[in-house]
Amino acid sequence: MRSLPRPAWTAAWLLGGALAAWIVTAERMRGMDAGPGTDLGGLGWYTGVWVTMMAAMMLPSVAPMVLLFARVSKESARRGHSSVPTWVFVSSYLAVWSAYGLVAYGLFRIVRTRNLDFLAWNHAGPYIVGIAVIGAGVYELTPLKSVCLRHCRSPVHFILGGWREGWLGALRMGSEHGAYCVGCCWGLMVVLFALGVMSLFWMAVVAAVIFAQKILPGGERATRALAVALVALGIWVAAAPGSVPDLTQPDRGPAMKMDR
């Protein structure tokens, strides 16, 4: 039986890793509060879940860049340069998303310590969530979003003058690509936090949108439609949150604890 070529193996472990991460995430989120404002639990538990979530959501959409890295790295090794495992690039990429998650966690804890009662769901909660979703929609129309999405969709710029050899080069390229990815998708992650960061439904919706924007033909041109959809969704949440499908209405009492 012929063995699969290296690009096929790389794609297989990327997709396999994403599938495993989805399974683990679903298991860890079982029984958790899936609505807005859910308690994020202890730092260690949250970090583990967040990294797993990012692997599940982002590995499919980062596959073209990872495959390009693996192909060029193999050719570079054939020419006598040091060989760098693909996981070095992927780990550096995920580290940037981990940093994003830690910043979000820090902001969450700061808000929690302030005891801002007006943020409660039975007060201004739906309006705050709606404004966050609308803000994410507006960001879709900004030049920064366009630049970052262009780099994510066409990673050839790494070949045309941006390629770096060795382990440090792989780490740097992974972090650079991760930074562009955060610049492209941070607004969509705000939507996830706003609607329910522990909701598998909203997690899948955001992951699908990210994949469509980065991978599918016409994804870049669909940005305006996505912006309109997010603004409409934000208005819907603010005006009638109870009618939004799969939006879990938070308990008016204390949030469910998730310290694990």
Protein backbone atom coordinates (compact mmCIF):
# COMPACT_ATOMS: atom_id res chain seq x y z
CA MET A 1 0.00 0.00 0.00
CA ARG A 2 1.44 3.36 -1.03
CA SER A 3 1.98 5.88 1.71
CA LEU A 4 0.30 9.25 1.50
CA PRO A 5 2.43 12.19 0.33
CA ARG A 6 3.56 14.61 3.01
CA PRO A 7 0.97 17.33 2.17
CA ALA A 8 -1.80 14.76 2.54
CA TRP A 9 -0.46 13.68 5.93
CA THR A 10 -0.24 17.31 7.04
CA ALA A 11 -3.83 17.95 5.97
CA ALA A 12 -4.94 14.73 7.66
CA TRP A 13 -3.44 15.59 11.04
CA LEU A 14 -4.75 19.15 10.83
CA LEU A 15 -8.30 18.00 10.20
CA GLY A 16 -7.93 15.13 12.65
CA GLY A 17 -6.65 17.54 15.29
CA ALA A 18 -9.57 19.89 14.65
CA LEU A 19 -12.06 17.01 14.96
CA ALA A 20 -10.47 15.81 18.20
CA ALA A 21 -10.56 19.37 19.55
CA TRP A 22 -14.28 19.65 18.75
CA ILE A 23 -14.95 16.38 20.58
CA VAL A 24 -12.96 17.46 23.63
CA THR A 25 -14.61 20.88 23.65
CA ALA A 26 -18.07 19.38 23.50
CA GLU A 27 -17.21 17.10 26.41
CA ARG A 28 -15.75 19.90 28.52
CA MET A 29 -18.72 22.21 27.84
CA ARG A 30 -21.35 19.61 28.71
CA GLY A 31 -23.69 21.08 31.32
CA MET A 32 -22.12 24.54 31.19
CA ASP A 33 -24.03 27.80 30.99
CA ALA A 34 -24.14 28.57 27.24
CA GLY A 35 -25.57 32.09 27.48
CA PRO A 36 -24.11 35.60 27.52
CA GLY A 37 -22.08 36.62 30.55
CA THR A 38 -21.29 33.06 31.63
CA ASP A 39 -18.64 32.67 34.32
CA LEU A 40 -15.33 31.75 32.68
CA GLY A 41 -14.12 29.73 35.66
CA GLY A 42 -10.55 29.47 36.93
CA LEU A 43 -7.65 30.63 34.77
CA GLY A 44 -6.18 27.16 34.29
CA TRP A 45 -9.47 25.55 33.29
CA TYR A 46 -10.37 28.44 30.99
CA THR A 47 -6.96 28.43 29.28
CA GLY A 48 -7.21 24.73 28.52
CA VAL A 49 -10.70 25.08 27.09
CA TRP A 50 -9.82 28.22 25.11
CA VAL A 51 -6.76 26.64 23.44
CA THR A 52 -8.84 23.58 22.56
CA MET A 53 -11.57 25.81 21.14
CA MET A 54 -9.08 27.70 19.00
CA ALA A 55 -7.66 24.46 17.65
CA ALA A 56 -11.18 23.29 16.77
CA MET A 57 -12.24 26.55 15.14
CA MET A 58 -9.04 27.76 13.45
CA LEU A 59 -7.11 24.70 12.25
CA PRO A 60 -9.36 24.12 9.20
CA SER A 61 -9.10 27.75 8.07
CA VAL A 62 -5.33 27.96 8.64
CA ALA A 63 -4.71 24.77 6.65
CA PRO A 64 -3.56 26.52 3.42
CA MET A 65 -0.82 28.40 5.26
CA VAL A 66 0.25 25.31 7.20
CA LEU A 67 0.41 23.25 4.01
CA LEU A 68 2.44 26.00 2.34
CA PHE A 69 4.83 26.09 5.28
CA ALA A 70 5.24 22.30 5.21
CA ARG A 71 5.90 22.30 1.46
CA VAL A 72 8.45 25.13 1.52
CA SER A 73 10.11 23.78 4.67
CA LYS A 74 10.56 20.40 3.01
CA GLU A 75 12.09 22.02 -0.08
CA SER A 76 14.35 24.13 2.12
CA ALA A 77 15.56 21.01 3.93
CA ARG A 78 16.25 19.34 0.59
CA ARG A 79 18.55 22.23 -0.26
CA GLY A 80 20.59 21.70 2.88
CA HIS A 81 18.90 24.01 5.37
CA SER A 82 17.74 22.81 8.78
CA SER A 83 14.37 21.05 8.82
CA VAL A 84 11.67 22.57 11.05
CA PRO A 85 8.63 20.49 12.09
CA THR A 86 5.30 21.93 11.03
CA TRP A 87 3.99 21.78 14.60
CA VAL A 88 6.42 24.60 15.52
CA PHE A 89 4.61 26.95 13.15
CA VAL A 90 1.16 25.78 14.32
CA SER A 91 2.08 26.11 18.02
CA SER A 92 3.27 29.67 17.48
CA TYR A 93 0.08 30.49 15.62
CA LEU A 94 -2.12 29.10 18.42
CA ALA A 95 -0.01 30.94 21.02
CA VAL A 96 -1.17 34.26 19.55
CA TRP A 97 -4.80 33.20 19.85
CA SER A 98 -4.08 32.04 23.41
CA ALA A 99 -2.82 35.55 24.20
CA TYR A 100 -6.06 36.99 22.79
CA GLY A 101 -8.04 34.65 25.03
CA LEU A 102 -6.03 35.66 28.11
CA VAL A 103 -6.67 39.34 27.41
CA ALA A 104 -10.38 38.60 27.13
CA TYR A 105 -10.23 36.67 30.41
CA GLY A 106 -8.49 39.58 32.14
CA LEU A 107 -11.13 42.04 30.94
CA PHE A 108 -13.85 39.67 32.11
CA ARG A 109 -12.34 39.47 35.59
CA ILE A 110 -11.95 43.25 35.80
CA VAL A 111 -15.61 43.74 34.93
CA ARG A 112 -16.65 41.07 37.44
CA THR A 113 -14.75 42.78 40.28
CA ARG A 114 -16.59 46.04 39.58
CA ASN A 115 -20.00 44.49 40.34
CA LEU A 116 -21.67 46.51 37.58
CA ASP A 117 -25.30 45.63 38.17
CA PHE A 118 -26.48 47.41 35.01
CA LEU A 119 -24.75 44.70 32.94
CA ALA A 120 -27.18 42.09 34.28
CA TRP A 121 -29.38 40.49 31.65
CA ASN A 122 -32.56 41.83 33.24
CA HIS A 123 -31.15 45.37 33.04
CA ALA A 124 -28.95 46.50 30.14
CA GLY A 125 -27.52 43.08 29.26
CA PRO A 126 -29.31 42.62 25.91
CA TYR A 127 -28.35 46.14 24.83
CA ILE A 128 -24.68 45.60 25.72
CA VAL A 129 -24.62 42.33 23.79
CA GLY A 130 -26.40 43.95 20.86
CA ILE A 131 -23.92 46.84 20.76
CA ALA A 132 -20.99 44.39 20.85
CA VAL A 133 -22.40 42.43 17.89
CA ILE A 134 -23.12 45.63 15.96
CA GLY A 135 -19.58 46.85 16.65
CA ALA A 136 -18.21 43.60 15.23
CA GLY A 137 -20.31 44.18 12.13
CA VAL A 138 -18.94 47.69 11.68
CA TYR A 139 -15.37 46.38 12.05
CA GLU A 140 -15.95 44.11 9.05
CA LEU A 141 -15.99 47.25 6.87
CA THR A 142 -12.72 48.74 8.12
CA PRO A 143 -9.44 48.86 6.15
CA LEU A 144 -7.65 46.89 8.88
CA LYS A 145 -10.10 44.02 8.45
CA SER A 146 -9.52 44.06 4.68
CA VAL A 147 -5.73 43.98 5.01
CA CYS A 148 -5.74 41.16 7.55
CA LEU A 149 -8.26 39.08 5.59
CA ARG A 150 -6.22 39.52 2.42
CA HIS A 151 -3.12 38.17 4.16
CA CYS A 152 -5.07 35.25 5.62
CA ARG A 153 -6.57 34.31 2.26
CA SER A 154 -3.32 34.60 0.31
CA PRO A 155 -0.27 33.69 2.44
CA VAL A 156 2.03 33.96 -0.58
CA HIS A 157 3.52 37.13 0.96
CA PHE A 158 5.53 34.79 3.20
CA ILE A 159 7.18 33.39 0.09
CA LEU A 160 7.71 36.75 -1.60
CA GLY A 161 10.28 38.16 0.79
CA GLY A 162 8.85 37.10 4.13
CA TRP A 163 10.20 33.56 4.49
CA ARG A 164 12.49 32.93 7.46
CA GLU A 165 14.66 29.88 7.98
CA GLY A 166 15.10 27.82 11.13
CA TRP A 167 13.10 27.32 14.28
CA LEU A 168 13.08 31.00 15.21
CA GLY A 169 11.91 31.80 11.69
CA ALA A 170 9.05 29.31 12.00
CA LEU A 171 8.05 30.72 15.36
CA ARG A 172 8.10 34.24 13.98
CA MET A 173 6.10 33.35 10.88
CA GLY A 174 3.56 31.46 12.95
CA SER A 175 3.10 34.41 15.29
CA GLU A 176 2.89 36.85 12.38
CA HIS A 177 0.22 34.78 10.67
CA GLY A 178 -1.57 34.46 14.01
CA ALA A 179 -1.49 38.26 14.41
CA TYR A 180 -3.05 38.73 10.98
CA CYS A 181 -5.65 36.12 11.90
CA VAL A 182 -6.49 37.91 15.14
CA GLY A 183 -6.74 41.18 13.22
CA CYS A 184 -9.11 39.49 10.81
CA CYS A 185 -11.29 37.63 13.31
CA TRP A 186 -11.16 39.36 16.69
CA GLY A 187 -14.54 41.00 16.06
CA LEU A 188 -16.12 37.62 15.34
CA MET A 189 -14.66 36.31 18.59
CA VAL A 190 -16.27 39.27 20.38
CA VAL A 191 -19.55 38.05 18.91
CA LEU A 192 -18.84 34.61 20.36
CA PHE A 193 -18.10 36.02 23.81
CA ALA A 194 -21.19 38.25 23.64
CA LEU A 195 -23.64 35.54 22.59
CA GLY A 196 -22.20 32.71 24.68
CA VAL A 197 -18.58 31.64 24.61
CA MET A 198 -19.54 28.23 26.00
CA SER A 199 -22.23 27.66 23.39
CA LEU A 200 -21.35 24.98 20.85
CA PHE A 201 -23.95 26.42 18.48
CA TRP A 202 -22.46 29.92 18.35
CA MET A 203 -18.97 28.47 18.33
CA ALA A 204 -19.87 26.46 15.22
CA VAL A 205 -21.50 29.47 13.56
CA VAL A 206 -18.46 31.69 14.11
CA ALA A 207 -16.09 28.92 12.96
CA ALA A 208 -18.13 28.44 9.79
CA VAL A 209 -18.07 32.18 9.04
CA ILE A 210 -14.30 32.32 9.56
CA PHE A 211 -13.77 29.32 7.28
CA ALA A 212 -15.99 30.83 4.57
CA GLN A 213 -14.20 34.18 4.69
CA LYS A 214 -10.72 32.70 4.56
CA ILE A 215 -11.11 29.67 2.32
CA LEU A 216 -14.16 29.77 0.06
CA PRO A 217 -14.15 31.60 -3.27
CA GLY A 218 -15.71 35.02 -2.88
CA GLY A 219 -15.15 35.05 0.87
CA GLU A 220 -13.52 38.46 0.74
CA ARG A 221 -16.41 39.93 -1.27
CA ALA A 222 -18.94 38.59 1.25
CA THR A 223 -17.63 40.89 3.99
CA ARG A 224 -20.28 43.56 3.38
CA ALA A 225 -23.07 40.99 3.60
CA LEU A 226 -21.61 39.69 6.86
CA ALA A 227 -21.42 43.23 8.24
CA VAL A 228 -25.10 43.79 7.47
CA ALA A 229 -26.01 40.42 9.00
CA LEU A 230 -24.11 41.19 12.22
CA VAL A 231 -25.68 44.64 12.57
CA ALA A 232 -29.12 43.11 12.04
CA LEU A 233 -28.37 40.38 14.58
CA GLY A 234 -27.20 42.96 17.12
CA ILE A 235 -30.40 44.96 16.72
CA TRP A 236 -32.43 41.75 17.02
CA VAL A 237 -30.68 40.74 20.25
CA ALA A 238 -31.15 44.19 21.75
CA ALA A 239 -34.81 44.46 20.74
CA ALA A 240 -36.12 40.91 21.27
CA PRO A 241 -33.48 38.57 22.70
CA GLY A 242 -36.05 35.92 23.57
CA SER A 243 -36.84 35.36 19.90
CA VAL A 244 -33.25 34.81 18.76
CA PRO A 245 -32.78 31.09 17.96
CA ASP A 246 -30.33 29.26 20.22
CA LEU A 247 -29.60 32.34 22.32
CA THR A 248 -29.67 31.02 25.88
CA GLN A 249 -31.33 33.48 28.22
CA PRO A 250 -29.04 33.90 31.25
CA ASP A 251 -30.34 32.98 34.67
CA ARG A 252 -31.37 36.10 36.58
CA GLY A 253 -29.62 34.66 39.57
CA PRO A 254 -25.91 34.01 40.06
CA ALA A 255 -24.09 32.68 37.00
CA MET A 256 -23.21 29.00 36.90
CA LYS A 257 -19.70 28.44 38.16
CA MET A 258 -17.25 26.63 35.95
CA ASP A 259 -14.17 26.30 38.13
CA ARG A 260 -12.75 22.92 37.27
